[in-house]
PDB file of all heavy atoms in Angstrom:
ATOM      1  N   LYS A   1       5.682  73.804-102.843  1.00  0.00           N
ATOM      2  CA  LYS A   1       4.410  73.115-103.057  1.00  0.00           C
ATOM      3  C   LYS A   1       4.218  72.847-104.530  1.00  0.00           C
ATOM      4  O   LYS A   1       3.770  71.717-104.906  1.00  0.00           O
ATOM      5  CB  LYS A   1       3.266  73.979-102.510  1.00  0.00           C
ATOM      6  CG  LYS A   1       1.886  73.355-102.679  1.00  0.00           C
ATOM      7  CD  LYS A   1       1.726  72.106-101.866  1.00  0.00           C
ATOM      8  CE  LYS A   1       0.285  71.572-101.957  1.00  0.00           C
ATOM      9  NZ  LYS A   1       0.118  70.331-101.195  1.00  0.00           N
ATOM     10  N   GLU A   2       4.492  73.792-105.383  1.00  0.00           N
ATOM     11  CA  GLU A   2       4.327  73.618-106.807  1.00  0.00           C
ATOM     12  C   GLU A   2       5.283  72.535-107.314  1.00  0.00           C
ATOM     13  O   GLU A   2       4.902  71.686-108.116  1.00  0.00           O
ATOM     14  CB  GLU A   2       4.587  74.918-107.571  1.00  0.00           C
ATOM     15  CG  GLU A   2       3.563  75.997-107.282  1.00  0.00           C
ATOM     16  CD  GLU A   2       2.172  75.631-107.715  1.00  0.00           C
ATOM     17  OE1 GLU A   2       2.012  75.031-108.799  1.00  0.00           O
ATOM     18  OE2 GLU A   2       1.209  75.919-106.978  1.00  0.00           O
ATOM     19  N   GLU A   3       6.531  72.590-106.830  1.00  0.00           N
ATOM     20  CA  GLU A   3       7.527  71.597-107.276  1.00  0.00           C
ATOM     21  C   GLU A   3       7.072  70.196-106.857  1.00  0.00           C
ATOM     22  O   GLU A   3       7.226  69.232-107.610  1.00  0.00           O
ATOM     23  CB  GLU A   3       8.900  71.906-106.693  1.00  0.00           C
ATOM     24  CG  GLU A   3       9.981  70.968-107.169  1.00  0.00           C
ATOM     25  CD  GLU A   3      11.357  71.348-106.656  1.00  0.00           C
ATOM     26  OE1 GLU A   3      11.430  72.266-105.770  1.00  0.00           O
ATOM     27  OE2 GLU A   3      12.344  70.748-107.100  1.00  0.00           O
ATOM     28  N   ALA A   4       6.538  70.090-105.635  1.00  0.00           N
ATOM     29  CA  ALA A   4       6.080  68.784-105.180  1.00  0.00           C
ATOM     30  C   ALA A   4       4.952  68.268-106.023  1.00  0.00           C
ATOM     31  O   ALA A   4       4.892  67.081-106.377  1.00  0.00           O
ATOM     32  CB  ALA A   4       5.643  68.874-103.720  1.00  0.00           C
ATOM     33  N   GLN A   5       4.053  69.190-106.423  1.00  0.00           N
ATOM     34  CA  GLN A   5       2.922  68.805-107.279  1.00  0.00           C
ATOM     35  C   GLN A   5       3.408  68.379-108.665  1.00  0.00           C
ATOM     36  O   GLN A   5       2.962  67.379-109.229  1.00  0.00           O
ATOM     37  CB  GLN A   5       1.931  69.951-107.389  1.00  0.00           C
ATOM     38  CG  GLN A   5       0.706  69.586-108.222  1.00  0.00           C
ATOM     39  CD  GLN A   5      -0.184  70.807-108.475  1.00  0.00           C
ATOM     40  OE1 GLN A   5       0.205  71.743-109.157  1.00  0.00           O
ATOM     41  NE2 GLN A   5      -1.377  70.760-107.938  1.00  0.00           N
ATOM     42  N   PHE A   6       4.362  69.137-109.225  1.00  0.00           N
ATOM     43  CA  PHE A   6       4.917  68.817-110.542  1.00  0.00           C
ATOM     44  C   PHE A   6       5.588  67.407-110.500  1.00  0.00           C
ATOM     45  O   PHE A   6       5.385  66.594-111.412  1.00  0.00           O
ATOM     46  CB  PHE A   6       5.959  69.847-110.974  1.00  0.00           C
ATOM     47  CG  PHE A   6       5.382  71.203-111.244  1.00  0.00           C
ATOM     48  CD1 PHE A   6       6.165  72.335-111.120  1.00  0.00           C
ATOM     49  CD2 PHE A   6       4.091  71.361-111.635  1.00  0.00           C
ATOM     50  CE1 PHE A   6       5.643  73.587-111.377  1.00  0.00           C
ATOM     51  CE2 PHE A   6       3.516  72.605-111.887  1.00  0.00           C
ATOM     52  CZ  PHE A   6       4.337  73.725-111.748  1.00  0.00           C
ATOM     53  N   LYS A   7       6.371  67.196-109.447  1.00  0.00           N
ATOM     54  CA  LYS A   7       7.046  65.911-109.359  1.00  0.00           C
ATOM     55  C   LYS A   7       6.046  64.766-109.186  1.00  0.00           C
ATOM     56  O   LYS A   7       6.255  63.683-109.752  1.00  0.00           O
ATOM     57  CB  LYS A   7       8.028  65.930-108.187  1.00  0.00           C
ATOM     58  CG  LYS A   7       9.265  66.800-108.483  1.00  0.00           C
ATOM     59  CD  LYS A   7      10.262  66.769-107.303  1.00  0.00           C
ATOM     60  CE  LYS A   7      11.492  67.569-107.621  1.00  0.00           C
ATOM     61  NZ  LYS A   7      12.473  67.542-106.503  1.00  0.00           N
ATOM     62  N   HIS A   8       4.999  65.020-108.429  1.00  0.00           N
ATOM     63  CA  HIS A   8       3.972  63.984-108.250  1.00  0.00           C
ATOM     64  C   HIS A   8       3.323  63.669-109.587  1.00  0.00           C
ATOM     65  O   HIS A   8       3.145  62.484-109.936  1.00  0.00           O
ATOM     66  CB  HIS A   8       2.936  64.435-107.255  1.00  0.00           C
ATOM     67  CG  HIS A   8       1.749  63.546-107.163  1.00  0.00           C
ATOM     68  ND1 HIS A   8       1.797  62.267-106.612  1.00  0.00           N
ATOM     69  CD2 HIS A   8       0.458  63.735-107.538  1.00  0.00           C
ATOM     70  CE1 HIS A   8       0.601  61.709-106.709  1.00  0.00           C
ATOM     71  NE2 HIS A   8      -0.230  62.550-107.245  1.00  0.00           N
ATOM     72  N   ARG A   9       2.947  64.693-110.340  1.00  0.00           N
ATOM     73  CA  ARG A   9       2.294  64.466-111.628  1.00  0.00           C
ATOM     74  C   ARG A   9       3.260  63.802-112.605  1.00  0.00           C
ATOM     75  O   ARG A   9       2.869  62.901-113.376  1.00  0.00           O
ATOM     76  CB  ARG A   9       1.781  65.775-112.216  1.00  0.00           C
ATOM     77  CG  ARG A   9       0.540  66.299-111.477  1.00  0.00           C
ATOM     78  CD  ARG A   9       0.100  67.637-112.034  1.00  0.00           C
ATOM     79  NE  ARG A   9      -1.096  68.091-111.345  1.00  0.00           N
ATOM     80  CZ  ARG A   9      -2.315  68.110-111.826  1.00  0.00           C
ATOM     81  NH1 ARG A   9      -2.514  67.647-113.045  1.00  0.00           N
ATOM     82  NH2 ARG A   9      -3.328  68.572-111.148  1.00  0.00           N
ATOM     83  N   PHE A  10       4.552  64.241-112.568  1.00  0.00           N
ATOM     84  CA  PHE A  10       5.483  63.619-113.519  1.00  0.00           C
ATOM     85  C   PHE A  10       5.792  62.185-113.120  1.00  0.00           C
ATOM     86  O   PHE A  10       6.042  61.336-113.998  1.00  0.00           O
ATOM     87  CB  PHE A  10       6.773  64.424-113.584  1.00  0.00           C
ATOM     88  CG  PHE A  10       7.720  63.895-114.645  1.00  0.00           C
ATOM     89  CD1 PHE A  10       7.465  64.133-115.985  1.00  0.00           C
ATOM     90  CD2 PHE A  10       8.798  63.113-114.283  1.00  0.00           C
ATOM     91  CE1 PHE A  10       8.316  63.605-116.974  1.00  0.00           C
ATOM     92  CE2 PHE A  10       9.663  62.572-115.269  1.00  0.00           C
ATOM     93  CZ  PHE A  10       9.398  62.821-116.598  1.00  0.00           C
ATOM     94  N   ASP A  11       5.792  61.883-111.830  1.00  0.00           N
ATOM     95  CA  ASP A  11       6.004  60.495-111.392  1.00  0.00           C
ATOM     96  C   ASP A  11       4.932  59.609-111.964  1.00  0.00           C
ATOM     97  O   ASP A  11       5.200  58.445-112.346  1.00  0.00           O
ATOM     98  CB  ASP A  11       5.983  60.428-109.866  1.00  0.00           C
ATOM     99  CG  ASP A  11       7.286  60.934-109.237  1.00  0.00           C
ATOM    100  OD1 ASP A  11       8.259  61.070-109.982  1.00  0.00           O
ATOM    101  OD2 ASP A  11       7.291  61.222-108.034  1.00  0.00           O
ATOM    102  N   ARG A  12       3.717  60.105-112.045  1.00  0.00           N
ATOM    103  CA  ARG A  12       2.606  59.322-112.643  1.00  0.00           C
ATOM    104  C   ARG A  12       2.864  59.120-114.128  1.00  0.00           C
ATOM    105  O   ARG A  12       2.621  58.044-114.670  1.00  0.00           O
ATOM    106  CB  ARG A  12       1.277  60.000-112.415  1.00  0.00           C
ATOM    107  CG  ARG A  12       0.922  60.115-110.932  1.00  0.00           C
ATOM    108  CD  ARG A  12      -0.389  60.888-110.732  1.00  0.00           C
ATOM    109  NE  ARG A  12      -1.506  60.158-111.290  1.00  0.00           N
ATOM    110  CZ  ARG A  12      -2.720  60.655-111.534  1.00  0.00           C
ATOM    111  NH1 ARG A  12      -2.925  61.956-111.253  1.00  0.00           N
ATOM    112  NH2 ARG A  12      -3.654  59.937-112.033  1.00  0.00           N
ATOM    113  N   VAL A  13       3.339  60.173-114.806  1.00  0.00           N
ATOM    114  CA  VAL A  13       3.735  60.055-116.200  1.00  0.00           C
ATOM    115  C   VAL A  13       4.836  59.003-116.376  1.00  0.00           C
ATOM    116  O   VAL A  13       4.767  58.120-117.236  1.00  0.00           O
ATOM    117  CB  VAL A  13       4.191  61.388-116.770  1.00  0.00           C
ATOM    118  CG1 VAL A  13       4.725  61.229-118.207  1.00  0.00           C
ATOM    119  CG2 VAL A  13       3.044  62.419-116.779  1.00  0.00           C
ATOM    120  N   PHE A  14       5.839  59.115-115.514  1.00  0.00           N
ATOM    121  CA  PHE A  14       6.978  58.214-115.609  1.00  0.00           C
ATOM    122  C   PHE A  14       6.576  56.751-115.356  1.00  0.00           C
ATOM    123  O   PHE A  14       6.979  55.864-116.098  1.00  0.00           O
ATOM    124  CB  PHE A  14       8.039  58.638-114.545  1.00  0.00           C
ATOM    125  CG  PHE A  14       9.264  57.750-114.506  1.00  0.00           C
ATOM    126  CD1 PHE A  14      10.327  57.962-115.349  1.00  0.00           C
ATOM    127  CD2 PHE A  14       9.328  56.708-113.614  1.00  0.00           C
ATOM    128  CE1 PHE A  14      11.445  57.162-115.341  1.00  0.00           C
ATOM    129  CE2 PHE A  14      10.433  55.892-113.564  1.00  0.00           C
ATOM    130  CZ  PHE A  14      11.507  56.123-114.409  1.00  0.00           C
ATOM    131  N   ASP A  15       5.790  56.523-114.282  1.00  0.00           N
ATOM    132  CA  ASP A  15       5.389  55.174-113.944  1.00  0.00           C
ATOM    133  C   ASP A  15       4.562  54.534-115.059  1.00  0.00           C
ATOM    134  O   ASP A  15       4.767  53.373-115.424  1.00  0.00           O
ATOM    135  CB  ASP A  15       4.580  55.164-112.645  1.00  0.00           C
ATOM    136  CG  ASP A  15       5.439  55.518-111.448  1.00  0.00           C
ATOM    137  OD1 ASP A  15       6.665  55.403-111.539  1.00  0.00           O
ATOM    138  OD2 ASP A  15       4.869  55.923-110.396  1.00  0.00           O
ATOM    139  N   ASN A  16       3.617  55.301-115.614  1.00  0.00           N
ATOM    140  CA  ASN A  16       2.805  54.760-116.684  1.00  0.00           C
ATOM    141  C   ASN A  16       3.637  54.493-117.941  1.00  0.00           C
ATOM    142  O   ASN A  16       3.463  53.474-118.617  1.00  0.00           O
ATOM    143  CB  ASN A  16       1.646  55.716-117.031  1.00  0.00           C
ATOM    144  CG  ASN A  16       0.640  55.091-117.988  1.00  0.00           C
ATOM    145  OD1 ASN A  16      -0.229  54.343-117.620  1.00  0.00           O
ATOM    146  ND2 ASN A  16       0.794  55.430-119.270  1.00  0.00           N
ATOM    147  N   TYR A  17       4.551  55.440-118.232  1.00  0.00           N
ATOM    148  CA  TYR A  17       5.399  55.253-119.434  1.00  0.00           C
ATOM    149  C   TYR A  17       6.339  54.063-119.254  1.00  0.00           C
ATOM    150  O   TYR A  17       6.620  53.356-120.226  1.00  0.00           O
ATOM    151  CB  TYR A  17       6.197  56.517-119.705  1.00  0.00           C
ATOM    152  CG  TYR A  17       6.836  56.535-121.064  1.00  0.00           C
ATOM    153  CD1 TYR A  17       6.060  56.492-122.216  1.00  0.00           C
ATOM    154  CD2 TYR A  17       8.227  56.535-121.184  1.00  0.00           C
ATOM    155  CE1 TYR A  17       6.653  56.465-123.496  1.00  0.00           C
ATOM    156  CE2 TYR A  17       8.818  56.552-122.460  1.00  0.00           C
ATOM    157  CZ  TYR A  17       8.027  56.505-123.613  1.00  0.00           C
ATOM    158  OH  TYR A  17       8.621  56.486-124.834  1.00  0.00           O
ATOM    159  N   LYS A  18       6.819  53.867-118.040  1.00  0.00           N
ATOM    160  CA  LYS A  18       7.664  52.684-117.781  1.00  0.00           C
ATOM    161  C   LYS A  18       6.907  51.421-118.071  1.00  0.00           C
ATOM    162  O   LYS A  18       7.421  50.472-118.701  1.00  0.00           O
ATOM    163  CB  LYS A  18       8.183  52.728-116.352  1.00  0.00           C
ATOM    164  CG  LYS A  18       9.165  51.606-116.066  1.00  0.00           C
ATOM    165  CD  LYS A  18       9.676  51.723-114.623  1.00  0.00           C
ATOM    166  CE  LYS A  18      10.671  50.598-114.313  1.00  0.00           C
ATOM    167  NZ  LYS A  18      11.183  50.700-112.909  1.00  0.00           N
ATOM    168  N   ARG A  19       5.644  51.351-117.583  1.00  0.00           N
ATOM    169  CA  ARG A  19       4.792  50.176-117.864  1.00  0.00           C
ATOM    170  C   ARG A  19       4.576  50.040-119.369  1.00  0.00           C
ATOM    171  O   ARG A  19       4.525  48.948-119.904  1.00  0.00           O
ATOM    172  CB  ARG A  19       3.483  50.280-117.096  1.00  0.00           C
ATOM    173  CG  ARG A  19       3.637  50.101-115.605  1.00  0.00           C
ATOM    174  CD  ARG A  19       2.268  49.873-114.956  1.00  0.00           C
ATOM    175  NE  ARG A  19       1.443  51.076-115.065  1.00  0.00           N
ATOM    176  CZ  ARG A  19       1.400  52.049-114.153  1.00  0.00           C
ATOM    177  NH1 ARG A  19       2.195  51.967-113.097  1.00  0.00           N
ATOM    178  NH2 ARG A  19       0.614  53.080-114.307  1.00  0.00           N
ATOM    179  N   LEU A  20       4.412  51.203-120.029  1.00  0.00           N
ATOM    180  CA  LEU A  20       4.160  51.176-121.477  1.00  0.00           C
ATOM    181  C   LEU A  20       5.337  50.603-122.237  1.00  0.00           C
ATOM    182  O   LEU A  20       5.171  49.753-123.114  1.00  0.00           O
ATOM    183  CB  LEU A  20       3.841  52.600-121.943  1.00  0.00           C
ATOM    184  CG  LEU A  20       3.573  52.800-123.439  1.00  0.00           C
ATOM    185  CD1 LEU A  20       2.383  52.001-123.902  1.00  0.00           C
ATOM    186  CD2 LEU A  20       3.403  54.271-123.762  1.00  0.00           C
ATOM    187  N   ILE A  21       6.577  51.064-121.905  1.00  0.00           N
ATOM    188  CA  ILE A  21       7.745  50.593-122.648  1.00  0.00           C
ATOM    189  C   ILE A  21       8.065  49.123-122.339  1.00  0.00           C
ATOM    190  O   ILE A  21       8.555  48.409-123.187  1.00  0.00           O
ATOM    191  CB  ILE A  21       8.958  51.505-122.462  1.00  0.00           C
ATOM    192  CG1 ILE A  21       9.381  51.555-120.999  1.00  0.00           C
ATOM    193  CG2 ILE A  21       8.670  52.916-122.976  1.00  0.00           C
ATOM    194  CD1 ILE A  21      10.648  52.371-120.778  1.00  0.00           C
ATOM    195  N   LEU A  22       7.760  48.713-121.093  1.00  0.00           N
ATOM    196  CA  LEU A  22       7.959  47.309-120.737  1.00  0.00           C
ATOM    197  C   LEU A  22       7.014  46.445-121.524  1.00  0.00           C
ATOM    198  O   LEU A  22       7.416  45.356-122.029  1.00  0.00           O
ATOM    199  CB  LEU A  22       7.779  47.092-119.225  1.00  0.00           C
ATOM    200  CG  LEU A  22       8.894  47.638-118.332  1.00  0.00           C
ATOM    201  CD1 LEU A  22       8.515  47.505-116.872  1.00  0.00           C
ATOM    202  CD2 LEU A  22      10.196  46.898-118.601  1.00  0.00           C
ATOM    203  N   ARG A  23       5.771  46.861-121.622  1.00  0.00           N
ATOM    204  CA  ARG A  23       4.775  46.107-122.415  1.00  0.00           C
ATOM    205  C   ARG A  23       5.137  46.161-123.878  1.00  0.00           C
ATOM    206  O   ARG A  23       5.016  45.175-124.613  1.00  0.00           O
ATOM    207  CB  ARG A  23       3.390  46.697-122.168  1.00  0.00           C
ATOM    208  CG  ARG A  23       2.289  46.036-122.996  1.00  0.00           C
ATOM    209  CD  ARG A  23       2.114  44.585-122.713  1.00  0.00           C
ATOM    210  NE  ARG A  23       1.776  44.285-121.327  1.00  0.00           N
ATOM    211  CZ  ARG A  23       1.377  43.084-120.914  1.00  0.00           C
ATOM    212  NH1 ARG A  23       1.296  42.063-121.771  1.00  0.00           N
ATOM    213  NH2 ARG A  23       1.126  42.877-119.619  1.00  0.00           N
ATOM    214  N   GLN A  24       5.639  47.313-124.347  1.00  0.00           N
ATOM    215  CA  GLN A  24       6.080  47.448-125.744  1.00  0.00           C
ATOM    216  C   GLN A  24       7.246  46.556-126.028  1.00  0.00           C
ATOM    217  O   GLN A  24       7.355  45.951-127.088  1.00  0.00           O
ATOM    218  CB  GLN A  24       6.475  48.908-126.004  1.00  0.00           C
ATOM    219  CG  GLN A  24       6.796  49.208-127.460  1.00  0.00           C
ATOM    220  CD  GLN A  24       5.584  49.177-128.360  1.00  0.00           C
ATOM    221  OE1 GLN A  24       4.629  49.897-128.132  1.00  0.00           O
ATOM    222  NE2 GLN A  24       5.615  48.330-129.338  1.00  0.00           N
ATOM    223  N   LYS A  25       8.176  46.434-125.068  1.00  0.00           N
ATOM    224  CA  LYS A  25       9.322  45.544-125.235  1.00  0.00           C
ATOM    225  C   LYS A  25       8.843  44.073-125.404  1.00  0.00           C
ATOM    226  O   LYS A  25       9.323  43.344-126.305  1.00  0.00           O
ATOM    227  CB  LYS A  25      10.261  45.644-124.022  1.00  0.00           C
ATOM    228  CG  LYS A  25      11.510  44.758-124.136  1.00  0.00           C
ATOM    229  CD  LYS A  25      12.254  44.682-122.824  1.00  0.00           C
ATOM    230  CE  LYS A  25      11.491  43.798-121.840  1.00  0.00           C
ATOM    231  NZ  LYS A  25      12.307  43.509-120.605  1.00  0.00           N
ATOM    232  N   ARG A  26       7.934  43.674-124.556  1.00  0.00           N
ATOM    233  CA  ARG A  26       7.409  42.299-124.658  1.00  0.00           C
ATOM    234  C   ARG A  26       6.708  42.091-125.996  1.00  0.00           C
ATOM    235  O   ARG A  26       6.891  41.069-126.665  1.00  0.00           O
ATOM    236  CB  ARG A  26       6.444  42.042-123.521  1.00  0.00           C
ATOM    237  CG  ARG A  26       5.978  40.615-123.411  1.00  0.00           C
ATOM    238  CD  ARG A  26       5.017  40.396-122.247  1.00  0.00           C
ATOM    239  NE  ARG A  26       5.659  40.802-120.981  1.00  0.00           N
ATOM    240  CZ  ARG A  26       5.023  40.750-119.835  1.00  0.00           C
ATOM    241  NH1 ARG A  26       3.741  40.341-119.760  1.00  0.00           N
ATOM    242  NH2 ARG A  26       5.654  41.112-118.726  1.00  0.00           N
ATOM    243  N   PHE A  27       5.933  43.124-126.414  1.00  0.00           N
ATOM    244  CA  PHE A  27       5.245  42.997-127.687  1.00  0.00           C
ATOM    245  C   PHE A  27       6.270  42.937-128.833  1.00  0.00           C
ATOM    246  O   PHE A  27       6.106  42.108-129.770  1.00  0.00           O
ATOM    247  CB  PHE A  27       4.329  44.203-127.897  1.00  0.00           C
ATOM    248  CG  PHE A  27       3.584  44.243-129.198  1.00  0.00           C
ATOM    249  CD1 PHE A  27       2.466  43.479-129.434  1.00  0.00           C
ATOM    250  CD2 PHE A  27       4.110  45.019-130.254  1.00  0.00           C
ATOM    251  CE1 PHE A  27       1.818  43.505-130.651  1.00  0.00           C
ATOM    252  CE2 PHE A  27       3.459  45.057-131.463  1.00  0.00           C
ATOM    253  CZ  PHE A  27       2.308  44.300-131.680  1.00  0.00           C
ATOM    254  N   ASN A  28       7.271  43.760-128.808  1.00  0.00           N
ATOM    255  CA  ASN A  28       8.291  43.761-129.878  1.00  0.00           C
ATOM    256  C   ASN A  28       9.069  42.458-129.913  1.00  0.00           C
ATOM    257  O   ASN A  28       9.463  42.024-130.973  1.00  0.00           O
ATOM    258  CB  ASN A  28       9.267  44.945-129.674  1.00  0.00           C
ATOM    259  CG  ASN A  28       8.636  46.259-129.964  1.00  0.00           C
ATOM    260  OD1 ASN A  28       7.594  46.348-130.644  1.00  0.00           O
ATOM    261  ND2 ASN A  28       9.198  47.341-129.461  1.00  0.00           N
ATOM    262  N   TRP A  29       9.286  41.862-128.752  1.00  0.00           N
ATOM    263  CA  TRP A  29       9.990  40.573-128.714  1.00  0.00           C
ATOM    264  C   TRP A  29       9.216  39.518-129.515  1.00  0.00           C
ATOM    265  O   TRP A  29       9.797  38.880-130.407  1.00  0.00           O
ATOM    266  CB  TRP A  29      10.156  40.161-127.260  1.00  0.00           C
ATOM    267  CG  TRP A  29      10.701  38.770-127.085  1.00  0.00           C
ATOM    268  CD1 TRP A  29       9.983  37.616-126.907  1.00  0.00           C
ATOM    269  CD2 TRP A  29      12.096  38.382-127.110  1.00  0.00           C
ATOM    270  NE1 TRP A  29      10.830  36.534-126.786  1.00  0.00           N
ATOM    271  CE2 TRP A  29      12.119  36.983-126.912  1.00  0.00           C
ATOM    272  CE3 TRP A  29      13.269  39.075-127.272  1.00  0.00           C
ATOM    273  CZ2 TRP A  29      13.321  36.257-126.864  1.00  0.00           C
ATOM    274  CZ3 TRP A  29      14.469  38.361-127.219  1.00  0.00           C
ATOM    275  CH2 TRP A  29      14.482  36.986-127.024  1.00  0.00           C
TER     276      TRP A  29
END
């Protein structure tokens, strides 16, 4: 249960960070 919760929370970190770096890439371009 703890591992599932950790993965769920980290998935949210991952998804937001992916959007962040994609937006950062467009900005840097």
